[in-house]
């Protein structure tokens, strides 16, 4: 959620340029990028799982950074907005965790197309399979 870039980071003091500002810039951008990159490797068990784990890590780091911003600079930022963002990232973290659990249970990861004739029965694969 890039709202952090527009409504939180600009209001932090210059002394945070290489700490909280930098961390928030990186972690907020990383979550969707890691999910997208992992999606392209969804046919690999560890490929996808690694990216989901990394996205979860970045989301949790964002929560910690937003908590620090809220606690250290309450007069500089919108506390209500900061709390809302913390709640949203908490939800994202829970969703990523549940996705990781579901992915562990999912066994069919091979790429298949409608014209794939390598199935056991030799039949074409349809949307129902």
N, C-alpha and C. Protein backbone atom coordinates (compact mmCIF):
# COMPACT_ATOMS: atom_id res chain seq x y z
N UNK A 1 0.85 -1.17 0.00
CA UNK A 1 0.00 0.00 0.00
C UNK A 1 0.89 1.23 0.00
N UNK A 2 0.89 1.88 -1.10
CA UNK A 2 1.79 3.01 -1.26
C UNK A 2 1.30 4.27 -0.56
N UNK A 3 0.17 4.20 0.10
CA UNK A 3 -0.30 5.34 0.89
C UNK A 3 0.74 5.72 1.95
N UNK A 4 1.51 4.75 2.39
CA UNK A 4 2.59 5.01 3.35
C UNK A 4 3.58 6.01 2.76
N UNK A 5 3.83 5.90 1.47
CA UNK A 5 4.79 6.79 0.80
C UNK A 5 4.29 8.23 0.71
N UNK A 6 2.98 8.38 0.64
CA UNK A 6 2.41 9.72 0.47
C UNK A 6 1.98 10.38 1.77
N UNK A 7 1.54 9.57 2.74
CA UNK A 7 0.91 10.16 3.92
C UNK A 7 1.61 9.85 5.24
N UNK A 8 2.67 9.07 5.20
CA UNK A 8 3.42 8.79 6.43
C UNK A 8 4.87 9.25 6.29
N UNK A 9 5.57 8.72 5.31
CA UNK A 9 7.00 8.99 5.15
C UNK A 9 7.34 10.48 5.05
N UNK A 10 6.60 11.27 4.27
CA UNK A 10 6.98 12.70 4.15
C UNK A 10 6.92 13.47 5.47
N UNK A 11 6.21 12.96 6.44
CA UNK A 11 6.04 13.67 7.71
C UNK A 11 7.02 13.23 8.79
N UNK A 12 7.89 12.31 8.44
CA UNK A 12 8.91 11.87 9.40
C UNK A 12 10.10 12.83 9.33
N UNK A 13 10.80 12.98 10.44
CA UNK A 13 11.94 13.91 10.45
C UNK A 13 13.09 13.44 9.55
N UNK A 14 13.88 14.37 9.13
CA UNK A 14 15.02 14.08 8.25
C UNK A 14 15.99 13.08 8.88
N UNK A 15 16.06 13.06 10.19
CA UNK A 15 16.96 12.12 10.88
C UNK A 15 16.59 10.66 10.60
N UNK A 16 15.40 10.42 10.13
CA UNK A 16 14.95 9.05 9.82
C UNK A 16 15.14 8.67 8.36
N UNK A 17 15.82 9.52 7.58
CA UNK A 17 15.99 9.24 6.15
C UNK A 17 16.60 7.87 5.87
N UNK A 18 17.56 7.46 6.67
CA UNK A 18 18.28 6.21 6.40
C UNK A 18 17.87 5.08 7.35
N UNK A 19 16.81 5.29 8.07
CA UNK A 19 16.34 4.24 8.98
C UNK A 19 14.86 3.95 8.69
N UNK A 20 13.97 4.56 9.42
CA UNK A 20 12.54 4.25 9.26
C UNK A 20 12.02 4.57 7.86
N UNK A 21 12.40 5.71 7.32
CA UNK A 21 11.93 6.05 5.97
C UNK A 21 12.38 5.02 4.96
N UNK A 22 13.65 4.69 5.01
CA UNK A 22 14.21 3.71 4.08
C UNK A 22 13.55 2.35 4.25
N UNK A 23 13.40 1.92 5.48
CA UNK A 23 12.78 0.62 5.75
C UNK A 23 11.34 0.58 5.25
N UNK A 24 10.58 1.63 5.52
CA UNK A 24 9.19 1.67 5.06
C UNK A 24 9.10 1.69 3.54
N UNK A 25 9.98 2.44 2.90
CA UNK A 25 9.97 2.47 1.43
C UNK A 25 10.20 1.07 0.85
N UNK A 26 11.18 0.38 1.38
CA UNK A 26 11.53 -0.94 0.85
C UNK A 26 10.47 -1.99 1.18
N UNK A 27 10.05 -2.05 2.43
CA UNK A 27 9.14 -3.14 2.83
C UNK A 27 7.75 -2.99 2.21
N UNK A 28 7.25 -1.76 2.08
CA UNK A 28 5.91 -1.60 1.50
C UNK A 28 5.90 -1.93 0.01
N UNK A 29 6.99 -1.64 -0.68
CA UNK A 29 7.06 -1.97 -2.10
C UNK A 29 7.32 -3.46 -2.32
N UNK A 30 7.98 -4.09 -1.39
CA UNK A 30 8.40 -5.48 -1.56
C UNK A 30 7.25 -6.47 -1.52
N UNK A 31 6.24 -6.22 -0.70
CA UNK A 31 5.17 -7.21 -0.52
C UNK A 31 4.51 -7.58 -1.85
N UNK A 32 3.95 -6.64 -2.61
CA UNK A 32 3.31 -7.05 -3.86
C UNK A 32 4.29 -7.58 -4.90
N UNK A 33 5.51 -7.06 -4.89
CA UNK A 33 6.52 -7.53 -5.85
C UNK A 33 6.87 -9.00 -5.60
N UNK A 34 7.03 -9.36 -4.34
CA UNK A 34 7.37 -10.74 -4.01
C UNK A 34 6.22 -11.69 -4.34
N UNK A 35 5.00 -11.25 -4.11
CA UNK A 35 3.84 -12.09 -4.46
C UNK A 35 3.80 -12.31 -5.97
N UNK A 36 4.02 -11.25 -6.73
CA UNK A 36 4.02 -11.36 -8.19
C UNK A 36 5.13 -12.29 -8.68
N UNK A 37 6.31 -12.13 -8.13
CA UNK A 37 7.43 -12.97 -8.53
C UNK A 37 7.18 -14.43 -8.15
N UNK A 38 6.64 -14.63 -6.96
CA UNK A 38 6.33 -15.99 -6.53
C UNK A 38 5.26 -16.63 -7.40
N UNK A 39 4.29 -15.84 -7.83
CA UNK A 39 3.22 -16.36 -8.67
C UNK A 39 3.78 -16.93 -9.97
N UNK A 40 4.81 -16.30 -10.50
CA UNK A 40 5.41 -16.81 -11.73
C UNK A 40 6.14 -18.13 -11.50
N UNK A 41 6.40 -18.47 -10.25
CA UNK A 41 7.08 -19.74 -9.92
C UNK A 41 6.15 -20.68 -9.16
N UNK A 42 4.87 -20.51 -9.34
CA UNK A 42 3.88 -21.28 -8.57
C UNK A 42 3.93 -22.77 -8.88
N UNK A 43 4.49 -23.14 -10.02
CA UNK A 43 4.59 -24.57 -10.36
C UNK A 43 5.73 -25.26 -9.62
N UNK A 44 6.53 -24.48 -8.90
CA UNK A 44 7.62 -25.04 -8.09
C UNK A 44 7.24 -24.92 -6.62
N UNK A 45 7.26 -26.02 -5.90
CA UNK A 45 6.85 -25.97 -4.49
C UNK A 45 7.66 -24.95 -3.71
N UNK A 46 8.96 -25.09 -3.69
CA UNK A 46 9.78 -24.17 -2.89
C UNK A 46 9.90 -22.80 -3.54
N UNK A 47 9.81 -22.74 -4.85
CA UNK A 47 9.90 -21.44 -5.52
C UNK A 47 8.83 -20.49 -5.01
N UNK A 48 7.60 -20.92 -5.09
CA UNK A 48 6.48 -20.08 -4.66
C UNK A 48 6.51 -19.86 -3.15
N UNK A 49 6.74 -20.92 -2.41
CA UNK A 49 6.72 -20.85 -0.95
C UNK A 49 7.74 -19.84 -0.43
N UNK A 50 8.92 -19.83 -1.02
CA UNK A 50 9.97 -18.90 -0.59
C UNK A 50 9.51 -17.45 -0.75
N UNK A 51 8.89 -17.14 -1.86
CA UNK A 51 8.45 -15.77 -2.10
C UNK A 51 7.29 -15.37 -1.18
N UNK A 52 6.41 -16.31 -0.89
CA UNK A 52 5.32 -16.01 0.04
C UNK A 52 5.89 -15.79 1.44
N UNK A 53 6.85 -16.61 1.84
CA UNK A 53 7.51 -16.41 3.14
C UNK A 53 8.21 -15.05 3.20
N UNK A 54 8.88 -14.68 2.12
CA UNK A 54 9.57 -13.38 2.08
C UNK A 54 8.57 -12.23 2.12
N UNK A 55 7.44 -12.37 1.42
CA UNK A 55 6.40 -11.33 1.44
C UNK A 55 5.83 -11.18 2.85
N UNK A 56 5.63 -12.30 3.53
CA UNK A 56 5.15 -12.28 4.91
C UNK A 56 6.15 -11.56 5.81
N UNK A 57 7.42 -11.83 5.62
CA UNK A 57 8.47 -11.15 6.40
C UNK A 57 8.42 -9.65 6.18
N UNK A 58 8.31 -9.23 4.94
CA UNK A 58 8.26 -7.79 4.63
C UNK A 58 7.01 -7.13 5.20
N UNK A 59 5.89 -7.83 5.15
CA UNK A 59 4.66 -7.30 5.72
C UNK A 59 4.80 -7.11 7.23
N UNK A 60 5.38 -8.11 7.88
CA UNK A 60 5.59 -8.00 9.33
C UNK A 60 6.58 -6.89 9.68
N UNK A 61 7.61 -6.71 8.86
CA UNK A 61 8.55 -5.61 9.08
C UNK A 61 7.86 -4.26 8.93
N UNK A 62 6.92 -4.18 7.99
CA UNK A 62 6.16 -2.94 7.82
C UNK A 62 5.33 -2.64 9.05
N UNK A 63 4.71 -3.67 9.63
CA UNK A 63 3.93 -3.49 10.85
C UNK A 63 4.80 -2.95 11.97
N UNK A 64 5.97 -3.53 12.16
CA UNK A 64 6.89 -3.08 13.21
C UNK A 64 7.30 -1.64 12.96
N UNK A 65 7.65 -1.31 11.73
CA UNK A 65 8.07 0.05 11.41
C UNK A 65 6.94 1.06 11.64
N UNK A 66 5.73 0.70 11.26
CA UNK A 66 4.59 1.61 11.49
C UNK A 66 4.32 1.78 12.98
N UNK A 67 4.47 0.72 13.75
CA UNK A 67 4.34 0.84 15.21
C UNK A 67 5.39 1.79 15.77
N UNK A 68 6.60 1.68 15.28
CA UNK A 68 7.67 2.57 15.74
C UNK A 68 7.39 4.01 15.36
N UNK A 69 6.93 4.23 14.14
CA UNK A 69 6.58 5.58 13.70
C UNK A 69 5.50 6.16 14.60
N UNK A 70 4.47 5.38 14.84
CA UNK A 70 3.35 5.84 15.67
C UNK A 70 3.82 6.18 17.08
N UNK A 71 4.70 5.36 17.64
CA UNK A 71 5.15 5.57 19.02
C UNK A 71 6.19 6.68 19.14
N UNK A 72 7.04 6.82 18.13
CA UNK A 72 8.12 7.81 18.21
C UNK A 72 7.70 9.21 17.76
N UNK A 73 6.76 9.28 16.82
CA UNK A 73 6.40 10.58 16.23
C UNK A 73 4.89 10.82 16.21
N UNK A 74 4.24 10.73 17.35
CA UNK A 74 2.78 10.88 17.37
C UNK A 74 2.30 12.27 16.96
N UNK A 75 3.13 13.28 17.14
CA UNK A 75 2.70 14.64 16.77
C UNK A 75 2.99 14.94 15.29
N UNK A 76 3.73 14.08 14.61
CA UNK A 76 4.10 14.34 13.22
C UNK A 76 3.20 13.62 12.21
N UNK A 77 2.57 12.56 12.64
CA UNK A 77 1.78 11.76 11.70
C UNK A 77 0.35 11.62 12.18
N UNK A 78 -0.50 11.15 11.28
CA UNK A 78 -1.90 10.89 11.58
C UNK A 78 -1.98 9.51 12.28
N UNK A 79 -2.21 9.53 13.58
CA UNK A 79 -2.24 8.29 14.38
C UNK A 79 -3.33 7.35 13.89
N UNK A 80 -4.49 7.90 13.58
CA UNK A 80 -5.61 7.06 13.11
C UNK A 80 -5.22 6.34 11.81
N UNK A 81 -4.64 7.08 10.89
CA UNK A 81 -4.20 6.47 9.63
C UNK A 81 -3.14 5.40 9.88
N UNK A 82 -2.22 5.70 10.75
CA UNK A 82 -1.16 4.74 11.06
C UNK A 82 -1.76 3.45 11.64
N UNK A 83 -2.71 3.58 12.54
CA UNK A 83 -3.37 2.39 13.11
C UNK A 83 -4.13 1.61 12.04
N UNK A 84 -4.79 2.32 11.13
CA UNK A 84 -5.51 1.65 10.04
C UNK A 84 -4.54 0.87 9.15
N UNK A 85 -3.39 1.47 8.87
CA UNK A 85 -2.39 0.79 8.04
C UNK A 85 -1.82 -0.43 8.76
N UNK A 86 -1.60 -0.30 10.05
CA UNK A 86 -1.13 -1.45 10.83
C UNK A 86 -2.15 -2.58 10.76
N UNK A 87 -3.43 -2.26 10.89
CA UNK A 87 -4.48 -3.27 10.79
C UNK A 87 -4.51 -3.92 9.41
N UNK A 88 -4.35 -3.11 8.36
CA UNK A 88 -4.36 -3.65 7.00
C UNK A 88 -3.17 -4.58 6.76
N UNK A 89 -2.01 -4.17 7.21
CA UNK A 89 -0.84 -5.04 7.04
C UNK A 89 -0.95 -6.29 7.91
N UNK A 90 -1.59 -6.19 9.05
CA UNK A 90 -1.83 -7.38 9.87
C UNK A 90 -2.71 -8.36 9.12
N UNK A 91 -3.73 -7.85 8.45
CA UNK A 91 -4.61 -8.71 7.67
C UNK A 91 -3.84 -9.34 6.50
N UNK A 92 -3.00 -8.54 5.84
CA UNK A 92 -2.18 -9.07 4.75
C UNK A 92 -1.28 -10.19 5.26
N UNK A 93 -0.67 -9.98 6.42
CA UNK A 93 0.22 -11.00 6.99
C UNK A 93 -0.55 -12.28 7.29
N UNK A 94 -1.74 -12.15 7.85
CA UNK A 94 -2.55 -13.35 8.14
C UNK A 94 -2.94 -14.06 6.85
N UNK A 95 -3.29 -13.30 5.81
CA UNK A 95 -3.65 -13.91 4.53
C UNK A 95 -2.45 -14.64 3.91
N UNK A 96 -1.29 -14.03 3.99
CA UNK A 96 -0.09 -14.67 3.45
C UNK A 96 0.25 -15.94 4.23
N UNK A 97 0.09 -15.90 5.54
CA UNK A 97 0.35 -17.07 6.37
C UNK A 97 -0.60 -18.21 5.97
N UNK A 98 -1.88 -17.89 5.82
CA UNK A 98 -2.86 -18.91 5.45
C UNK A 98 -2.60 -19.44 4.04
N UNK A 99 -2.16 -18.56 3.13
CA UNK A 99 -1.80 -19.01 1.79
C UNK A 99 -0.61 -19.98 1.85
N UNK A 100 0.37 -19.66 2.68
CA UNK A 100 1.53 -20.55 2.82
C UNK A 100 1.10 -21.92 3.36
N UNK A 101 0.21 -21.94 4.33
CA UNK A 101 -0.28 -23.22 4.87
C UNK A 101 -1.03 -24.00 3.80
N UNK A 102 -1.89 -23.32 3.07
CA UNK A 102 -2.66 -23.99 2.02
C UNK A 102 -1.74 -24.52 0.93
N UNK A 103 -0.72 -23.75 0.61
CA UNK A 103 0.21 -24.18 -0.44
C UNK A 103 0.98 -25.43 -0.02
N UNK A 104 1.29 -25.55 1.26
CA UNK A 104 1.97 -26.75 1.75
C UNK A 104 1.11 -27.99 1.53
N UNK A 105 -0.20 -27.84 1.60
CA UNK A 105 -1.11 -28.97 1.46
C UNK A 105 -1.43 -29.27 -0.01
N UNK A 106 -1.20 -28.31 -0.87
CA UNK A 106 -1.51 -28.46 -2.28
C UNK A 106 -0.45 -29.31 -2.94
N UNK A 107 -0.85 -30.39 -3.62
CA UNK A 107 0.14 -31.32 -4.16
C UNK A 107 0.34 -31.21 -5.67
N UNK A 108 -0.63 -30.76 -6.40
CA UNK A 108 -0.51 -30.71 -7.86
C UNK A 108 0.05 -29.35 -8.25
N UNK A 109 1.31 -29.35 -8.70
CA UNK A 109 1.95 -28.09 -9.04
C UNK A 109 2.43 -28.04 -10.48
N UNK A 110 2.29 -29.13 -11.19
CA UNK A 110 2.80 -29.15 -12.55
C UNK A 110 2.01 -28.24 -13.47
N UNK A 111 2.70 -27.71 -14.46
CA UNK A 111 2.01 -26.86 -15.44
C UNK A 111 1.30 -27.77 -16.43
N UNK A 112 0.06 -27.45 -16.68
CA UNK A 112 -0.71 -28.22 -17.64
C UNK A 112 -1.47 -27.26 -18.54
N UNK A 113 -1.58 -27.64 -19.77
CA UNK A 113 -2.35 -26.84 -20.70
C UNK A 113 -3.48 -27.69 -21.25
N UNK A 114 -4.36 -27.08 -21.94
CA UNK A 114 -5.50 -27.81 -22.50
C UNK A 114 -5.02 -28.85 -23.50
N UNK A 115 -3.93 -28.59 -24.19
CA UNK A 115 -3.41 -29.53 -25.19
C UNK A 115 -2.39 -30.50 -24.62
N UNK A 116 -2.21 -30.54 -23.32
CA UNK A 116 -1.23 -31.42 -22.68
C UNK A 116 -1.72 -32.86 -22.80
N UNK A 117 -0.97 -33.68 -23.53
CA UNK A 117 -1.39 -35.08 -23.71
C UNK A 117 -0.61 -36.02 -22.81
N UNK A 118 0.07 -35.47 -21.81
CA UNK A 118 0.89 -36.32 -20.95
C UNK A 118 0.13 -36.83 -19.73
N UNK A 119 -1.17 -36.62 -19.69
CA UNK A 119 -1.91 -37.12 -18.53
C UNK A 119 -1.97 -38.64 -18.57
N UNK A 120 -2.22 -39.23 -17.44
CA UNK A 120 -2.18 -40.69 -17.30
C UNK A 120 -3.16 -41.38 -18.24
N UNK A 121 -4.30 -40.79 -18.48
CA UNK A 121 -5.31 -41.44 -19.32
C UNK A 121 -5.18 -41.05 -20.78
N UNK A 122 -4.35 -40.05 -21.07
CA UNK A 122 -4.20 -39.62 -22.45
C UNK A 122 -5.32 -38.69 -22.88
N UNK A 123 -6.22 -38.35 -21.98
CA UNK A 123 -7.32 -37.46 -22.32
C UNK A 123 -6.87 -36.01 -22.20
N UNK A 124 -7.59 -35.15 -22.89
CA UNK A 124 -7.30 -33.73 -22.77
C UNK A 124 -7.73 -33.22 -21.41
N UNK A 125 -7.00 -32.26 -20.92
CA UNK A 125 -7.31 -31.65 -19.63
C UNK A 125 -8.32 -30.54 -19.86
N UNK A 126 -9.33 -30.52 -19.03
CA UNK A 126 -10.34 -29.47 -19.13
C UNK A 126 -10.31 -28.63 -17.87
N UNK A 127 -11.11 -27.60 -17.84
CA UNK A 127 -11.18 -26.72 -16.67
C UNK A 127 -11.67 -27.45 -15.43
N UNK A 128 -12.39 -28.55 -15.61
CA UNK A 128 -12.91 -29.27 -14.45
C UNK A 128 -11.84 -30.09 -13.75
N UNK A 129 -10.72 -30.38 -14.40
CA UNK A 129 -9.71 -31.23 -13.77
C UNK A 129 -8.76 -30.46 -12.92
